[in-house]
Amino acid sequence: MEMVRIIPMASSIRPSLSSFRSCVSRFGVSLSSCNSSRRPSFLHLGSGICAGRIYCPGGFIYAFLICFYFSLTDSKCYAAVQQSQLFSVKASKLFRVEGSNMAVRAAGNMAQASTSITQEEALEWVKKDNRRMLHVVYRVGDLERTIKFYTECLGMKLLRKRDIPEERYTNAFLGYGPEDSHFVIELTYNYGVDKYDIGTGFGHFGIAVEDVAKTVDLIKAKGGKVTREPGPVKGGSTVIAFIEDPDGYKFELIERGPTPEPLCQVMLRVGDLDRSINFYEKAFGMELLRKRDNPEYKYTIAMMGYGPEDKSVVLELTYNYGVTQYDKGNAYAQIAIGTDDVYKTAEVIKMSEGKLTREPGPLPGINTKIAACLDPDGWKTVFVDNIDFLKELELL
């Protein structure tokens, strides 16, 4: 074997020749396979130990590569660099092969990367991600009946409607403002299905109104069902009321001044509140806005979200003393959340011990990138690429 000359680098992290050869051969790239008759070829080597491009003019090989070598096994090194790529750990080196001599030169600054991304680093990225709750999805038995109730009794607007006959379902989007800036409802009607089981796990949706009593009178006049008359909340002073829509979904009317987000709450019941709070903070990047225990009525609530309660939608998690499991039925479906990167989001969910039900990638037909997961209680959330979501709206 001929000697390999290695020019000292500023970084103390240096790949050995054996690791470099192992890296290159692992991804099917041969240093001897290039010749001067070929046009320049650029090879992306994936998310493995080495990633970069190989250029082969006149017997010279220039390679911009990322090679991390910490005397680890290939699998550990692969995982470390894959995570480093995901969180933009930047490093570059210039390898030059001339005849049988190799020179390794530093080109730019190389990050002092660790072999793994910590939970703290993942949480920091999640909190910087541009996230917003986009819509909540659930199923109804009569789409036109529900649209009529929401528009006439709750003051919502029908934003758009789409029919997918090949899949035998129709969607209707309703809310109090455009989808690119407001949290909205996505109703799903499946052909021929007129009834669903709401179960015991789903709680209610919250709507902020300026006058609860007046809203309740309007709903009664339209034939709506009121399950709790207007009055102060138990243990507090905020005036609320509860109503039911034609399919049995409950809505809490909350007396509040003018707000940019009238559709302001989704309440779900959970079996372990602290576990759920920890998951939504780490995996979803939500903030615990407040937590309130009501020992008299044997329940505790936690408000989670991406902004203050009076200006944005929140997820209300409810723990009832001693109840660890609920029947989720088949009516409520999921919440959709916008993200700048569904691939990074999926990695953080995995690190937070979440369960992915759909790996990140584009949806067939519309190419909107999504990823889907379940929280510790089995509640589903879909993350949607922010740019793709806006493109989808622009194509309507």
Protein backbone atom coordinates (compact mmCIF):
# COMPACT_ATOMS: atom_id res chain seq x y z
CA MET A 1 0.00 0.00 0.00
CA GLU A 2 1.33 3.44 -0.90
CA MET A 3 1.57 6.15 1.70
CA VAL A 4 -1.19 8.68 2.13
CA ARG A 5 -0.14 12.19 3.01
CA ILE A 6 -2.58 13.97 5.29
CA ILE A 7 -2.24 17.71 5.68
CA PRO A 8 -2.98 18.75 9.30
CA MET A 9 -6.38 20.32 9.88
CA ALA A 10 -7.53 22.90 12.36
CA SER A 11 -10.11 20.50 13.74
CA SER A 12 -9.06 17.68 16.01
CA ILE A 13 -11.55 15.40 14.28
CA ARG A 14 -9.83 13.58 11.40
CA PRO A 15 -11.15 10.73 9.31
CA SER A 16 -8.81 7.78 8.75
CA LEU A 17 -8.21 6.45 5.25
CA SER A 18 -9.88 3.16 6.15
CA SER A 19 -13.01 4.98 7.30
CA PHE A 20 -12.97 7.06 4.11
CA ARG A 21 -12.66 3.96 1.90
CA SER A 22 -15.31 2.17 3.93
CA CYS A 23 -17.57 5.17 3.58
CA VAL A 24 -17.11 5.41 -0.17
CA SER A 25 -17.46 1.69 -0.82
CA ARG A 26 -20.54 1.53 1.42
CA PHE A 27 -22.42 3.81 -0.95
CA GLY A 28 -21.19 2.19 -4.13
CA VAL A 29 -18.71 4.84 -5.25
CA SER A 30 -15.30 3.68 -6.49
CA LEU A 31 -12.38 6.05 -6.54
CA SER A 32 -10.87 4.15 -9.45
CA SER A 33 -14.02 4.14 -11.52
CA CYS A 34 -13.68 7.72 -12.72
CA ASN A 35 -11.84 8.56 -15.92
CA SER A 36 -11.16 11.64 -17.97
CA SER A 37 -13.51 10.62 -20.74
CA ARG A 38 -16.53 11.01 -18.50
CA ARG A 39 -18.37 14.25 -18.09
CA PRO A 40 -18.37 15.68 -14.57
CA SER A 41 -20.73 13.67 -12.39
CA PHE A 42 -22.27 14.79 -9.16
CA LEU A 43 -23.30 12.07 -6.73
CA HIS A 44 -25.40 12.70 -3.67
CA LEU A 45 -24.44 9.98 -1.26
CA GLY A 46 -27.52 10.20 0.93
CA SER A 47 -27.52 10.62 4.67
CA GLY A 48 -24.69 8.28 5.46
CA ILE A 49 -21.13 8.64 6.69
CA CYS A 50 -20.05 10.55 3.61
CA ALA A 51 -22.23 12.91 1.65
CA GLY A 52 -21.15 15.15 -1.15
CA ARG A 53 -20.13 15.16 -4.81
CA ILE A 54 -17.34 13.56 -6.80
CA TYR A 55 -15.84 15.30 -9.81
CA CYS A 56 -13.47 13.39 -12.06
CA PRO A 57 -11.63 15.43 -14.69
CA GLY A 58 -8.31 14.20 -16.17
CA GLY A 59 -7.55 11.63 -13.51
CA PHE A 60 -8.05 14.11 -10.64
CA ILE A 61 -10.83 13.53 -8.15
CA TYR A 62 -12.23 16.40 -6.19
CA ALA A 63 -14.67 15.48 -3.51
CA PHE A 64 -16.58 17.74 -1.21
CA LEU A 65 -17.44 15.33 1.54
CA ILE A 66 -18.73 15.24 5.09
CA CYS A 67 -16.89 12.49 6.92
CA PHE A 68 -17.27 12.02 10.64
CA TYR A 69 -15.07 9.43 12.25
CA PHE A 70 -15.09 8.82 15.96
CA SER A 71 -13.84 5.19 16.05
CA LEU A 72 -17.46 4.06 15.90
CA THR A 73 -19.13 1.24 14.04
CA ASP A 74 -20.58 2.09 10.64
CA SER A 75 -24.15 1.96 11.95
CA LYS A 76 -23.48 4.38 14.81
CA CYS A 77 -21.57 6.73 12.55
CA TYR A 78 -24.35 6.59 9.98
CA ALA A 79 -26.96 7.49 12.57
CA ALA A 80 -24.86 10.30 13.98
CA VAL A 81 -24.29 11.97 10.64
CA GLN A 82 -27.88 11.45 9.57
CA GLN A 83 -29.03 13.40 12.62
CA SER A 84 -26.30 15.98 12.12
CA GLN A 85 -27.52 16.58 8.56
CA LEU A 86 -31.09 16.92 9.76
CA PHE A 87 -30.17 19.70 12.15
CA SER A 88 -27.81 21.53 9.77
CA VAL A 89 -24.47 20.66 11.34
CA LYS A 90 -22.15 22.16 8.74
CA ALA A 91 -18.79 20.71 7.89
CA SER A 92 -16.70 20.50 4.74
CA LYS A 93 -13.31 19.09 3.69
CA LEU A 94 -11.57 18.97 0.40
CA PHE A 95 -10.11 15.64 -0.64
CA ARG A 96 -7.74 15.59 -3.58
CA VAL A 97 -6.36 12.46 -5.19
CA GLU A 98 -3.50 12.89 -7.65
CA GLY A 99 -2.06 9.64 -8.97
CA SER A 100 -1.59 7.52 -5.87
CA ASN A 101 -1.22 10.43 -3.45
CA MET A 102 -4.10 11.84 -1.44
CA ALA A 103 -4.13 15.22 0.24
CA VAL A 104 -6.71 16.22 2.75
CA ARG A 105 -7.22 19.94 3.05
CA ALA A 106 -9.58 21.87 5.24
CA ALA A 107 -12.02 24.02 3.29
CA GLY A 108 -13.93 26.37 5.57
CA ASN A 109 -14.86 25.78 9.15
CA MET A 110 -15.79 22.36 10.43
CA ALA A 111 -18.31 22.17 13.24
CA GLN A 112 -17.32 20.37 16.40
CA ALA A 113 -20.21 17.93 15.99
CA SER A 114 -21.11 15.37 18.59
CA THR A 115 -22.09 11.85 17.67
CA SER A 116 -25.77 12.43 18.48
CA ILE A 117 -28.36 15.16 18.64
CA THR A 118 -29.54 15.68 22.20
CA GLN A 119 -33.11 16.07 23.34
CA GLU A 120 -32.29 19.69 24.23
CA GLU A 121 -31.10 20.45 20.69
CA ALA A 122 -34.17 18.81 19.20
CA LEU A 123 -36.47 20.77 21.49
CA GLU A 124 -34.69 23.99 20.57
CA TRP A 125 -35.27 23.34 16.85
CA VAL A 126 -38.93 22.51 17.43
CA LYS A 127 -39.48 25.77 19.31
CA LYS A 128 -37.94 27.74 16.42
CA ASP A 129 -40.04 25.93 13.82
CA ASN A 130 -42.87 27.99 12.34
CA ARG A 131 -45.84 26.06 13.69
CA ARG A 132 -49.54 26.78 13.76
CA MET A 133 -52.60 24.63 14.24
CA LEU A 134 -54.30 24.62 10.82
CA HIS A 135 -57.55 22.68 11.16
CA VAL A 136 -59.36 19.93 13.03
CA VAL A 137 -60.86 17.02 11.10
CA TYR A 138 -63.93 14.99 12.01
CA ARG A 139 -66.69 12.99 10.35
CA VAL A 140 -70.38 13.87 9.97
CA GLY A 141 -73.40 11.97 8.71
CA ASP A 142 -75.11 14.75 6.71
CA LEU A 143 -72.75 17.36 5.31
CA GLU A 144 -75.35 19.89 4.15
CA ARG A 145 -77.20 19.72 7.47
CA THR A 146 -73.98 20.40 9.40
CA ILE A 147 -72.92 23.26 7.09
CA LYS A 148 -76.34 24.87 7.60
CA PHE A 149 -76.07 24.59 11.38
CA TYR A 150 -72.52 25.99 11.56
CA THR A 151 -73.22 28.92 9.25
CA GLU A 152 -76.65 29.90 10.61
CA CYS A 153 -76.23 29.12 14.32
CA LEU A 154 -72.49 29.53 14.94
CA GLY A 155 -71.77 32.26 12.40
CA MET A 156 -69.09 30.37 10.49
CA LYS A 157 -68.39 30.75 6.79
CA LEU A 158 -68.12 27.95 4.27
CA LEU A 159 -64.57 28.49 3.00
CA ARG A 160 -64.36 25.71 0.43
CA LYS A 161 -65.72 22.33 -0.46
CA ARG A 162 -64.18 19.45 -2.39
CA ASP A 163 -65.60 16.16 -3.57
CA ILE A 164 -63.39 13.12 -4.12
CA PRO A 165 -65.71 10.66 -5.87
CA GLU A 166 -63.01 8.08 -6.56
CA GLU A 167 -62.42 7.83 -2.80
CA ARG A 168 -66.13 8.26 -2.02
CA TYR A 169 -65.91 11.22 0.36
CA THR A 170 -66.50 14.99 0.45
CA ASN A 171 -64.77 17.66 2.55
CA ALA A 172 -66.09 21.03 3.66
CA PHE A 173 -63.91 23.66 5.35
CA LEU A 174 -65.62 26.14 7.67
CA GLY A 175 -64.36 28.84 10.01
CA TYR A 176 -64.21 32.50 10.93
CA GLY A 177 -61.46 33.57 8.54
CA PRO A 178 -59.21 32.39 5.69
CA GLU A 179 -57.33 29.13 6.13
CA ASP A 180 -53.90 30.69 5.72
CA SER A 181 -54.36 32.66 8.94
CA HIS A 182 -57.16 31.00 10.96
CA PHE A 183 -57.83 27.67 12.61
CA VAL A 184 -60.74 26.03 10.77
CA ILE A 185 -62.92 22.92 10.76
CA GLU A 186 -62.58 20.24 8.09
CA LEU A 187 -65.75 18.17 7.91
CA THR A 188 -65.61 14.78 6.22
CA TYR A 189 -68.64 13.04 4.76
CA ASN A 190 -68.08 9.44 3.66
CA TYR A 191 -70.58 8.31 1.05
CA GLY A 192 -73.40 6.30 2.59
CA VAL A 193 -72.32 6.67 6.24
CA ASP A 194 -74.85 8.67 8.24
CA LYS A 195 -73.82 7.98 11.84
CA TYR A 196 -70.62 7.77 13.88
CA ASP A 197 -69.62 6.93 17.44
CA ILE A 198 -68.04 9.97 19.12
CA GLY A 199 -66.78 7.87 22.04
CA THR A 200 -65.81 9.10 25.51
CA GLY A 201 -62.35 10.51 24.79
CA PHE A 202 -63.25 13.51 22.67
CA GLY A 203 -64.49 16.43 24.74
CA HIS A 204 -65.58 19.54 22.84
CA PHE A 205 -64.63 22.46 20.63
CA GLY A 206 -64.47 25.96 22.04
CA ILE A 207 -65.84 29.11 20.40
CA ALA A 208 -65.25 32.59 21.81
CA VAL A 209 -68.29 34.86 21.57
CA GLU A 210 -68.94 38.35 22.94
CA ASP A 211 -72.37 37.50 24.38
CA VAL A 212 -73.04 33.89 25.35
CA ALA A 213 -76.69 34.44 26.31
CA LYS A 214 -77.53 36.09 23.00
CA THR A 215 -75.76 33.33 21.05
CA VAL A 216 -77.67 30.65 22.97
CA ASP A 217 -80.99 32.39 22.21
CA LEU A 218 -80.13 32.38 18.50
CA ILE A 219 -79.24 28.70 18.58
CA LYS A 220 -82.49 27.85 20.34
CA ALA A 221 -84.45 29.84 17.76
CA LYS A 222 -82.81 27.79 15.01
CA GLY A 223 -83.73 24.54 16.71
CA GLY A 224 -80.29 23.87 18.18
CA LYS A 225 -79.72 21.77 21.30
CA VAL A 226 -78.43 23.53 24.43
CA THR A 227 -76.95 21.14 27.00
CA ARG A 228 -75.80 23.76 29.53
CA GLU A 229 -77.44 27.13 29.98
CA PRO A 230 -75.25 30.27 30.17
CA GLY A 231 -73.55 30.80 33.53
CA PRO A 232 -70.16 31.03 35.26
CA VAL A 233 -67.78 28.12 34.83
CA LYS A 234 -67.46 25.85 37.87
CA GLY A 235 -64.89 27.35 40.20
CA GLY A 236 -64.53 30.54 38.12
CA SER A 237 -66.25 33.62 36.76
CA THR A 238 -66.07 33.20 32.98
CA VAL A 239 -69.54 32.81 31.47
CA ILE A 240 -69.94 29.71 29.34
CA ALA A 241 -72.62 27.50 27.79
CA PHE A 242 -72.62 24.15 25.99
CA ILE A 243 -74.48 23.18 22.83
CA GLU A 244 -74.53 20.16 20.54
CA ASP A 245 -74.44 20.08 16.75
CA PRO A 246 -76.67 17.69 14.74
CA ASP A 247 -74.09 14.87 15.03
CA GLY A 248 -73.68 15.22 18.79
CA TYR A 249 -70.36 17.11 18.85
CA LYS A 250 -70.25 19.47 21.82
CA PHE A 251 -69.28 23.14 21.55
CA GLU A 252 -68.37 25.27 24.54
CA LEU A 253 -69.37 28.92 24.09
CA ILE A 254 -66.90 31.12 25.99
CA GLU A 255 -67.73 34.76 26.70
CA ARG A 256 -64.73 36.78 25.61
CA GLY A 257 -63.99 40.11 23.95
CA PRO A 258 -63.06 40.44 20.28
CA THR A 259 -60.42 37.89 19.31
CA PRO A 260 -58.56 37.08 16.08
CA GLU A 261 -59.26 33.36 16.65
CA PRO A 262 -62.91 32.69 17.62
CA LEU A 263 -62.54 28.92 17.08
CA CYS A 264 -60.25 28.72 20.07
CA GLN A 265 -60.19 25.26 21.68
CA VAL A 266 -60.09 21.53 21.06
CA MET A 267 -60.56 19.49 24.23
CA LEU A 268 -59.32 15.89 24.45
CA ARG A 269 -59.22 13.60 27.48
CA VAL A 270 -55.96 11.89 28.43
CA GLY A 271 -54.97 9.16 30.89
CA ASP A 272 -51.74 10.67 32.23
CA LEU A 273 -51.61 14.47 32.14
CA ASP A 274 -47.92 14.93 32.95
CA ARG A 275 -46.95 12.39 30.29
CA SER A 276 -49.07 14.21 27.72
CA ILE A 277 -47.70 17.63 28.65
CA ASN A 278 -44.14 16.33 28.33
CA PHE A 279 -44.90 14.82 24.91
CA TYR A 280 -46.58 17.92 23.47
CA GLU A 281 -43.78 20.15 24.73
CA LYS A 282 -40.94 18.03 23.35
CA ALA A 283 -42.41 16.44 20.23
CA PHE A 284 -44.75 19.25 19.14
CA GLY A 285 -42.98 22.29 20.56
CA MET A 286 -46.11 23.49 22.33
CA GLU A 287 -46.04 25.66 25.42
CA LEU A 288 -47.88 24.83 28.63
CA LEU A 289 -49.96 28.00 28.92
CA ARG A 290 -51.64 27.11 32.18
CA LYS A 291 -52.64 24.18 34.35
CA ARG A 292 -55.59 24.07 36.73
CA ASP A 293 -56.56 21.41 39.22
CA ASN A 294 -60.19 21.08 40.34
CA PRO A 295 -60.13 18.59 43.24
CA GLU A 296 -63.77 19.32 44.08
CA TYR A 297 -64.82 17.96 40.68
CA LYS A 298 -61.90 15.51 40.40
CA TYR A 299 -60.27 16.70 37.22
CA THR A 300 -57.22 18.67 36.03
CA ILE A 301 -56.79 20.58 32.79
CA ALA A 302 -53.73 21.77 30.90
CA MET A 303 -53.85 24.34 28.12
CA MET A 304 -51.21 23.76 25.41
CA GLY A 305 -50.54 25.86 22.32
CA TYR A 306 -48.33 28.09 20.21
CA GLY A 307 -49.64 31.41 21.48
CA PRO A 308 -51.76 33.07 24.19
CA GLU A 309 -55.26 31.72 24.78
CA ASP A 310 -57.02 34.97 23.92
CA LYS A 311 -55.35 35.25 20.52
CA SER A 312 -54.81 31.71 19.24
CA VAL A 313 -56.29 28.23 19.32
CA VAL A 314 -55.24 25.94 22.17
CA LEU A 315 -55.38 22.23 22.93
CA GLU A 316 -57.15 21.60 26.22
CA LEU A 317 -56.03 18.31 27.77
CA THR A 318 -58.29 16.99 30.52
CA TYR A 319 -57.40 14.37 33.10
CA ASN A 320 -60.23 12.90 35.15
CA TYR A 321 -59.02 11.42 38.44
CA GLY A 322 -58.46 7.68 38.17
CA VAL A 323 -59.39 7.34 34.48
CA THR A 324 -56.49 6.14 32.33
CA GLN A 325 -58.22 5.02 29.12
CA TYR A 326 -61.06 6.23 26.91
CA ASP A 327 -63.09 4.97 23.99
CA LYS A 328 -62.16 7.15 21.01
CA GLY A 329 -65.01 6.03 18.76
CA ASN A 330 -64.73 6.61 15.02
CA ALA A 331 -66.02 10.17 14.58
CA TYR A 332 -63.19 12.50 15.62
CA ALA A 333 -60.15 12.19 13.35
CA GLN A 334 -57.19 14.53 13.94
CA ILE A 335 -55.63 17.97 14.20
CA ALA A 336 -53.36 19.31 11.45
CA ILE A 337 -50.33 21.44 12.34
CA GLY A 338 -48.14 23.40 9.95
CA THR A 339 -44.35 22.97 9.99
CA ASP A 340 -41.38 24.17 7.95
CA ASP A 341 -39.97 20.64 7.67
CA VAL A 342 -41.96 17.42 8.00
CA TYR A 343 -38.78 15.33 7.85
CA LYS A 344 -37.17 17.02 10.86
CA THR A 345 -40.51 16.93 12.62
CA ALA A 346 -40.72 13.16 12.15
CA GLU A 347 -37.23 12.70 13.59
CA VAL A 348 -38.07 14.72 16.69
CA ILE A 349 -41.29 12.73 17.19
CA LYS A 350 -39.27 9.51 17.06
CA MET A 351 -36.76 10.91 19.56
CA SER A 352 -39.67 11.80 21.84
CA GLU A 353 -40.94 8.22 21.69
CA GLY A 354 -43.92 9.17 19.56
CA LYS A 355 -45.46 6.72 17.11
CA LEU A 356 -45.34 7.65 13.42
CA THR A 357 -48.34 6.33 11.51
CA ARG A 358 -47.17 7.85 8.22
CA GLU A 359 -43.56 8.49 7.31
CA PRO A 360 -42.85 12.00 5.99
CA GLY A 361 -43.33 12.53 2.28
CA PRO A 362 -45.64 13.93 -0.41
CA LEU A 363 -49.27 12.93 -0.77
CA PRO A 364 -50.11 11.28 -4.08
CA GLY A 365 -51.75 13.64 -6.55
CA ILE A 366 -51.26 16.97 -4.76
CA ASN A 367 -47.61 16.50 -3.61
CA THR A 368 -48.25 18.17 -0.26
CA LYS A 369 -45.67 16.78 2.17
CA ILE A 370 -47.07 15.45 5.45
CA ALA A 371 -46.18 13.22 8.39
CA ALA A 372 -48.64 11.66 10.84
CA CYS A 373 -48.26 10.43 14.40
CA LEU A 374 -50.09 9.36 17.54
CA ASP A 375 -49.65 10.87 21.00
CA PRO A 376 -49.32 8.60 24.07
CA ASP A 377 -53.13 8.27 24.30
CA GLY A 378 -53.54 7.46 20.60
CA TRP A 379 -54.80 10.88 19.46
CA LYS A 380 -53.72 11.50 15.88
CA THR A 381 -51.95 14.60 14.53
CA VAL A 382 -50.87 15.34 10.96
CA PHE A 383 -48.01 17.75 10.27
CA VAL A 384 -48.25 19.62 6.96
CA ASP A 385 -45.47 21.42 5.11
CA ASN A 386 -46.19 25.17 5.36
CA ILE A 387 -45.19 26.06 1.81
CA ASP A 388 -47.03 23.09 0.30
CA PHE A 389 -50.15 24.03 2.29
CA LEU A 390 -50.13 27.57 0.88
CA LYS A 391 -49.58 26.21 -2.63
CA GLU A 392 -52.55 23.89 -2.15
CA LEU A 393 -54.74 26.84 -1.20
CA GLU A 394 -53.55 28.92 -4.15
CA LEU A 395 -54.52 26.16 -6.59
CA LEU A 396 -58.16 26.19 -5.51
